[in-house]
Amino acid sequence: MGFMTNRKRAEGLGAAHRGTQHFWSMTISSVGLLMLVPLFVFTFGPMLGAPYEQVNAYFARPFPAIVAGLTILVGMMHFKNGVQIAIEDYTDGLTRKVLIIVMICISYALAATGLFAIARIAL
């Protein structure tokens, strides 16, 4: 170890060897949500309070269905990664592992439910 340079010691991705990947994942999903959320608001907003048949007909079109599906998917993955960071920062031991597993399961369940609902309307 005595012969390692400072650069060689700093070249890893952090203690877990995936910190950079996690950072970029959060950054990319943030940029994606920055574009998707306004699109979602402008496609979903006009349908608030509309009759059931009109909403079904509207979301049967490709563009609103794709925007809603992408917003749900990217939003839930961003939520999963953000909650995982918070849990890692504030808990430890078995509690950390259990909370991370539970939140990942909840995030995937919510994403699957939302995508199923959109697919059911669109198809």
N, C-alpha and C. Protein backbone atom coordinates (compact mmCIF):
# COMPACT_ATOMS: atom_id res chain seq x y z
N MET A 1 0.81 -1.20 0.00
CA MET A 1 0.00 0.00 0.00
C MET A 1 0.85 1.26 0.00
N GLY A 2 2.04 1.19 0.50
CA GLY A 2 2.87 2.38 0.60
C GLY A 2 3.28 2.94 -0.75
N PHE A 3 3.24 2.12 -1.80
CA PHE A 3 3.69 2.57 -3.11
C PHE A 3 2.55 3.10 -3.98
N MET A 4 1.35 3.20 -3.45
CA MET A 4 0.22 3.70 -4.24
C MET A 4 0.22 5.22 -4.24
N THR A 5 -0.07 5.77 -5.38
CA THR A 5 -0.17 7.23 -5.48
C THR A 5 -1.55 7.67 -5.00
N ASN A 6 -1.70 8.96 -4.75
CA ASN A 6 -2.99 9.50 -4.33
C ASN A 6 -4.06 9.25 -5.38
N ARG A 7 -3.69 9.38 -6.65
CA ARG A 7 -4.66 9.16 -7.72
C ARG A 7 -5.13 7.71 -7.72
N LYS A 8 -4.21 6.78 -7.52
CA LYS A 8 -4.58 5.36 -7.53
C LYS A 8 -5.53 5.05 -6.38
N ARG A 9 -5.34 5.68 -5.22
CA ARG A 9 -6.23 5.45 -4.08
C ARG A 9 -7.62 6.02 -4.34
N ALA A 10 -7.73 7.09 -5.12
CA ALA A 10 -9.00 7.78 -5.33
C ALA A 10 -9.76 7.28 -6.55
N GLU A 11 -9.23 6.30 -7.29
CA GLU A 11 -9.83 5.91 -8.55
C GLU A 11 -11.08 5.05 -8.43
N GLY A 12 -11.42 4.54 -7.31
CA GLY A 12 -12.60 3.68 -7.19
C GLY A 12 -13.88 4.48 -7.33
N LEU A 13 -14.99 3.77 -7.21
CA LEU A 13 -16.28 4.42 -7.28
C LEU A 13 -16.85 4.67 -5.90
N GLY A 14 -16.03 4.67 -4.88
CA GLY A 14 -16.50 4.84 -3.51
C GLY A 14 -16.45 3.51 -2.78
N ALA A 15 -16.91 3.51 -1.54
CA ALA A 15 -16.83 2.32 -0.71
C ALA A 15 -17.67 1.16 -1.26
N ALA A 16 -18.81 1.47 -1.85
CA ALA A 16 -19.69 0.41 -2.36
C ALA A 16 -19.37 0.09 -3.82
N HIS A 17 -18.47 0.83 -4.45
CA HIS A 17 -18.07 0.64 -5.84
C HIS A 17 -19.21 0.83 -6.82
N ARG A 18 -20.20 1.65 -6.48
CA ARG A 18 -21.28 1.96 -7.40
C ARG A 18 -21.85 3.35 -7.18
N GLY A 19 -21.14 4.19 -6.48
CA GLY A 19 -21.63 5.53 -6.18
C GLY A 19 -21.78 6.41 -7.41
N THR A 20 -20.85 6.32 -8.35
CA THR A 20 -20.92 7.12 -9.55
C THR A 20 -22.10 6.69 -10.41
N GLN A 21 -22.31 5.40 -10.51
CA GLN A 21 -23.44 4.88 -11.28
C GLN A 21 -24.76 5.36 -10.69
N HIS A 22 -24.85 5.33 -9.37
CA HIS A 22 -26.07 5.77 -8.69
C HIS A 22 -26.30 7.27 -8.92
N PHE A 23 -25.24 8.05 -8.84
CA PHE A 23 -25.34 9.49 -9.07
C PHE A 23 -25.83 9.78 -10.48
N TRP A 24 -25.25 9.11 -11.48
CA TRP A 24 -25.67 9.35 -12.85
C TRP A 24 -27.10 8.87 -13.09
N SER A 25 -27.48 7.79 -12.47
CA SER A 25 -28.85 7.30 -12.59
C SER A 25 -29.84 8.35 -12.07
N MET A 26 -29.53 8.93 -10.93
CA MET A 26 -30.40 9.96 -10.36
C MET A 26 -30.40 11.22 -11.24
N THR A 27 -29.25 11.59 -11.78
CA THR A 27 -29.15 12.77 -12.62
C THR A 27 -29.95 12.59 -13.91
N ILE A 28 -29.81 11.45 -14.54
CA ILE A 28 -30.52 11.20 -15.80
C ILE A 28 -32.02 11.13 -15.56
N SER A 29 -32.45 10.47 -14.48
CA SER A 29 -33.89 10.41 -14.21
C SER A 29 -34.44 11.79 -13.85
N SER A 30 -33.63 12.62 -13.20
CA SER A 30 -34.07 13.99 -12.89
C SER A 30 -34.29 14.79 -14.16
N VAL A 31 -33.38 14.69 -15.10
CA VAL A 31 -33.52 15.40 -16.37
C VAL A 31 -34.72 14.86 -17.14
N GLY A 32 -34.90 13.54 -17.12
CA GLY A 32 -36.07 12.95 -17.77
C GLY A 32 -37.36 13.45 -17.17
N LEU A 33 -37.42 13.51 -15.85
CA LEU A 33 -38.62 14.01 -15.18
C LEU A 33 -38.83 15.49 -15.43
N LEU A 34 -37.75 16.22 -15.61
CA LEU A 34 -37.85 17.64 -15.91
C LEU A 34 -38.60 17.88 -17.22
N MET A 35 -38.47 16.95 -18.14
CA MET A 35 -39.21 17.06 -19.41
C MET A 35 -40.57 16.38 -19.34
N LEU A 36 -40.64 15.26 -18.63
CA LEU A 36 -41.87 14.46 -18.63
C LEU A 36 -42.99 15.07 -17.78
N VAL A 37 -42.65 15.65 -16.64
CA VAL A 37 -43.70 16.16 -15.74
C VAL A 37 -44.51 17.28 -16.39
N PRO A 38 -43.90 18.28 -17.03
CA PRO A 38 -44.74 19.27 -17.71
C PRO A 38 -45.60 18.67 -18.83
N LEU A 39 -45.02 17.72 -19.58
CA LEU A 39 -45.81 17.05 -20.61
C LEU A 39 -46.99 16.31 -19.99
N PHE A 40 -46.74 15.64 -18.89
CA PHE A 40 -47.80 14.90 -18.20
C PHE A 40 -48.88 15.85 -17.70
N VAL A 41 -48.48 16.97 -17.12
CA VAL A 41 -49.46 17.93 -16.61
C VAL A 41 -50.32 18.48 -17.74
N PHE A 42 -49.70 18.78 -18.89
CA PHE A 42 -50.48 19.33 -20.00
C PHE A 42 -51.31 18.28 -20.73
N THR A 43 -50.95 17.00 -20.63
CA THR A 43 -51.78 15.96 -21.25
C THR A 43 -52.84 15.45 -20.29
N PHE A 44 -52.53 15.39 -19.01
CA PHE A 44 -53.46 14.87 -18.02
C PHE A 44 -54.43 15.94 -17.52
N GLY A 45 -53.97 17.16 -17.43
CA GLY A 45 -54.77 18.25 -16.88
C GLY A 45 -56.12 18.46 -17.53
N PRO A 46 -56.19 18.50 -18.86
CA PRO A 46 -57.49 18.72 -19.50
C PRO A 46 -58.51 17.62 -19.22
N MET A 47 -58.04 16.46 -18.80
CA MET A 47 -58.95 15.33 -18.56
C MET A 47 -59.50 15.30 -17.14
N LEU A 48 -59.00 16.15 -16.28
CA LEU A 48 -59.51 16.17 -14.90
C LEU A 48 -60.98 16.59 -14.91
N GLY A 49 -61.82 15.79 -14.31
CA GLY A 49 -63.24 16.09 -14.23
C GLY A 49 -64.03 15.71 -15.46
N ALA A 50 -63.36 15.15 -16.47
CA ALA A 50 -64.06 14.74 -17.69
C ALA A 50 -64.79 13.42 -17.45
N PRO A 51 -65.81 13.14 -18.24
CA PRO A 51 -66.51 11.85 -18.09
C PRO A 51 -65.59 10.67 -18.39
N TYR A 52 -65.94 9.53 -17.83
CA TYR A 52 -65.13 8.31 -17.92
C TYR A 52 -64.85 7.92 -19.37
N GLU A 53 -65.86 7.96 -20.22
CA GLU A 53 -65.70 7.55 -21.62
C GLU A 53 -64.73 8.48 -22.36
N GLN A 54 -64.80 9.76 -22.06
CA GLN A 54 -63.91 10.73 -22.71
C GLN A 54 -62.46 10.50 -22.27
N VAL A 55 -62.24 10.22 -21.00
CA VAL A 55 -60.89 9.96 -20.49
C VAL A 55 -60.34 8.69 -21.12
N ASN A 56 -61.16 7.64 -21.20
CA ASN A 56 -60.72 6.40 -21.84
C ASN A 56 -60.35 6.63 -23.30
N ALA A 57 -61.16 7.37 -24.02
CA ALA A 57 -60.88 7.65 -25.43
C ALA A 57 -59.59 8.47 -25.57
N TYR A 58 -59.39 9.41 -24.66
CA TYR A 58 -58.19 10.26 -24.72
C TYR A 58 -56.93 9.45 -24.47
N PHE A 59 -56.93 8.61 -23.44
CA PHE A 59 -55.73 7.83 -23.11
C PHE A 59 -55.58 6.59 -23.97
N ALA A 60 -56.55 6.32 -24.86
CA ALA A 60 -56.38 5.25 -25.84
C ALA A 60 -55.50 5.71 -26.99
N ARG A 61 -55.31 7.02 -27.12
CA ARG A 61 -54.40 7.56 -28.12
C ARG A 61 -52.96 7.32 -27.67
N PRO A 62 -52.03 7.15 -28.61
CA PRO A 62 -50.65 6.78 -28.24
C PRO A 62 -49.90 7.82 -27.42
N PHE A 63 -49.95 9.10 -27.82
CA PHE A 63 -49.11 10.10 -27.16
C PHE A 63 -49.44 10.26 -25.67
N PRO A 64 -50.71 10.47 -25.27
CA PRO A 64 -50.99 10.60 -23.84
C PRO A 64 -50.66 9.33 -23.05
N ALA A 65 -50.88 8.18 -23.66
CA ALA A 65 -50.59 6.92 -22.96
C ALA A 65 -49.08 6.75 -22.76
N ILE A 66 -48.30 7.08 -23.77
CA ILE A 66 -46.84 6.95 -23.66
C ILE A 66 -46.29 7.94 -22.65
N VAL A 67 -46.77 9.17 -22.68
CA VAL A 67 -46.31 10.19 -21.72
C VAL A 67 -46.65 9.75 -20.29
N ALA A 68 -47.87 9.28 -20.08
CA ALA A 68 -48.27 8.83 -18.74
C ALA A 68 -47.44 7.63 -18.29
N GLY A 69 -47.23 6.67 -19.18
CA GLY A 69 -46.44 5.49 -18.83
C GLY A 69 -45.00 5.82 -18.51
N LEU A 70 -44.38 6.66 -19.33
CA LEU A 70 -42.99 7.06 -19.07
C LEU A 70 -42.87 7.85 -17.77
N THR A 71 -43.84 8.72 -17.51
CA THR A 71 -43.79 9.50 -16.27
C THR A 71 -43.90 8.59 -15.06
N ILE A 72 -44.79 7.63 -15.12
CA ILE A 72 -44.93 6.68 -14.01
C ILE A 72 -43.65 5.87 -13.83
N LEU A 73 -43.12 5.34 -14.91
CA LEU A 73 -41.93 4.48 -14.84
C LEU A 73 -40.71 5.25 -14.34
N VAL A 74 -40.41 6.37 -14.96
CA VAL A 74 -39.22 7.15 -14.57
C VAL A 74 -39.40 7.72 -13.17
N GLY A 75 -40.61 8.17 -12.85
CA GLY A 75 -40.86 8.72 -11.51
C GLY A 75 -40.68 7.69 -10.42
N MET A 76 -41.17 6.49 -10.64
CA MET A 76 -41.03 5.45 -9.60
C MET A 76 -39.59 4.98 -9.45
N MET A 77 -38.84 4.92 -10.55
CA MET A 77 -37.44 4.53 -10.44
C MET A 77 -36.62 5.63 -9.74
N HIS A 78 -36.95 6.87 -10.01
CA HIS A 78 -36.29 7.98 -9.33
C HIS A 78 -36.64 7.96 -7.84
N PHE A 79 -37.90 7.70 -7.54
CA PHE A 79 -38.34 7.59 -6.14
C PHE A 79 -37.60 6.46 -5.43
N LYS A 80 -37.49 5.31 -6.09
CA LYS A 80 -36.80 4.15 -5.49
C LYS A 80 -35.36 4.50 -5.15
N ASN A 81 -34.65 5.12 -6.09
CA ASN A 81 -33.25 5.46 -5.83
C ASN A 81 -33.11 6.53 -4.75
N GLY A 82 -33.99 7.51 -4.74
CA GLY A 82 -33.93 8.56 -3.72
C GLY A 82 -34.22 8.04 -2.33
N VAL A 83 -35.23 7.19 -2.21
CA VAL A 83 -35.56 6.62 -0.91
C VAL A 83 -34.44 5.70 -0.43
N GLN A 84 -33.83 4.98 -1.35
CA GLN A 84 -32.72 4.11 -0.97
C GLN A 84 -31.56 4.93 -0.39
N ILE A 85 -31.27 6.07 -0.98
CA ILE A 85 -30.21 6.93 -0.45
C ILE A 85 -30.57 7.42 0.95
N ALA A 86 -31.82 7.84 1.13
CA ALA A 86 -32.24 8.33 2.45
C ALA A 86 -32.16 7.23 3.50
N ILE A 87 -32.58 6.03 3.14
CA ILE A 87 -32.52 4.91 4.08
C ILE A 87 -31.07 4.58 4.42
N GLU A 88 -30.20 4.58 3.42
CA GLU A 88 -28.78 4.28 3.67
C GLU A 88 -28.14 5.34 4.56
N ASP A 89 -28.59 6.59 4.44
CA ASP A 89 -28.01 7.66 5.23
C ASP A 89 -28.44 7.63 6.69
N TYR A 90 -29.67 7.20 6.95
CA TYR A 90 -30.23 7.36 8.29
C TYR A 90 -30.49 6.07 9.06
N THR A 91 -30.24 4.92 8.48
CA THR A 91 -30.43 3.66 9.21
C THR A 91 -29.21 2.78 9.04
N ASP A 92 -29.14 1.72 9.82
CA ASP A 92 -28.04 0.77 9.67
C ASP A 92 -28.49 -0.63 10.07
N GLY A 93 -27.64 -1.59 9.76
CA GLY A 93 -27.89 -2.97 10.14
C GLY A 93 -29.05 -3.61 9.40
N LEU A 94 -29.75 -4.50 10.11
CA LEU A 94 -30.86 -5.23 9.53
C LEU A 94 -32.01 -4.31 9.14
N THR A 95 -32.22 -3.25 9.92
CA THR A 95 -33.28 -2.30 9.61
C THR A 95 -33.07 -1.70 8.22
N ARG A 96 -31.84 -1.35 7.90
CA ARG A 96 -31.52 -0.79 6.59
C ARG A 96 -31.87 -1.77 5.48
N LYS A 97 -31.46 -3.00 5.64
CA LYS A 97 -31.71 -3.99 4.60
C LYS A 97 -33.20 -4.23 4.40
N VAL A 98 -33.93 -4.35 5.49
CA VAL A 98 -35.37 -4.62 5.39
C VAL A 98 -36.08 -3.43 4.75
N LEU A 99 -35.76 -2.22 5.18
CA LEU A 99 -36.40 -1.03 4.62
C LEU A 99 -36.11 -0.87 3.13
N ILE A 100 -34.89 -1.12 2.73
CA ILE A 100 -34.53 -1.01 1.31
C ILE A 100 -35.31 -2.03 0.49
N ILE A 101 -35.38 -3.27 0.96
CA ILE A 101 -36.11 -4.30 0.23
C ILE A 101 -37.59 -3.95 0.15
N VAL A 102 -38.18 -3.48 1.24
CA VAL A 102 -39.60 -3.13 1.25
C VAL A 102 -39.86 -1.97 0.28
N MET A 103 -39.02 -0.95 0.31
CA MET A 103 -39.25 0.21 -0.57
C MET A 103 -39.03 -0.14 -2.04
N ILE A 104 -38.10 -1.02 -2.33
CA ILE A 104 -37.91 -1.45 -3.71
C ILE A 104 -39.13 -2.22 -4.18
N CYS A 105 -39.65 -3.11 -3.34
CA CYS A 105 -40.86 -3.86 -3.70
C CYS A 105 -42.05 -2.93 -3.90
N ILE A 106 -42.22 -1.96 -3.03
CA ILE A 106 -43.33 -1.00 -3.17
C ILE A 106 -43.17 -0.18 -4.44
N SER A 107 -41.97 0.27 -4.74
CA SER A 107 -41.74 1.07 -5.95
C SER A 107 -42.06 0.28 -7.21
N TYR A 108 -41.57 -0.96 -7.29
CA TYR A 108 -41.86 -1.77 -8.46
C TYR A 108 -43.35 -2.12 -8.55
N ALA A 109 -44.00 -2.35 -7.42
CA ALA A 109 -45.43 -2.65 -7.42
C ALA A 109 -46.24 -1.45 -7.91
N LEU A 110 -45.89 -0.25 -7.46
CA LEU A 110 -46.58 0.95 -7.92
C LEU A 110 -46.35 1.20 -9.40
N ALA A 111 -45.12 1.01 -9.86
CA ALA A 111 -44.82 1.19 -11.28
C ALA A 111 -45.59 0.18 -12.12
N ALA A 112 -45.61 -1.07 -11.70
CA ALA A 112 -46.34 -2.10 -12.44
C ALA A 112 -47.83 -1.83 -12.46
N THR A 113 -48.38 -1.40 -11.33
CA THR A 113 -49.81 -1.09 -11.27
C THR A 113 -50.16 0.07 -12.19
N GLY A 114 -49.37 1.11 -12.17
CA GLY A 114 -49.62 2.27 -13.03
C GLY A 114 -49.50 1.91 -14.51
N LEU A 115 -48.45 1.15 -14.87
CA LEU A 115 -48.28 0.76 -16.26
C LEU A 115 -49.39 -0.18 -16.71
N PHE A 116 -49.82 -1.07 -15.83
CA PHE A 116 -50.93 -1.96 -16.16
C PHE A 116 -52.21 -1.16 -16.41
N ALA A 117 -52.47 -0.17 -15.58
CA ALA A 117 -53.67 0.65 -15.74
C ALA A 117 -53.63 1.41 -17.07
N ILE A 118 -52.48 1.98 -17.40
CA ILE A 118 -52.35 2.70 -18.67
C ILE A 118 -52.49 1.74 -19.85
N ALA A 119 -51.86 0.58 -19.75
CA ALA A 119 -51.96 -0.41 -20.84
C ALA A 119 -53.39 -0.90 -20.99
N ARG A 120 -54.07 -1.07 -19.91
CA ARG A 120 -55.45 -1.53 -19.95
C ARG A 120 -56.35 -0.51 -20.65
N ILE A 121 -56.11 0.76 -20.40
CA ILE A 121 -56.89 1.80 -21.06
C ILE A 121 -56.50 1.92 -22.53
N ALA A 122 -55.19 1.87 -22.79
CA ALA A 122 -54.69 2.12 -24.15
C ALA A 122 -54.96 0.97 -25.10
N LEU A 123 -55.06 -0.23 -24.59
CA LEU A 123 -55.23 -1.38 -25.51
C LEU A 123 -56.64 -1.83 -25.60
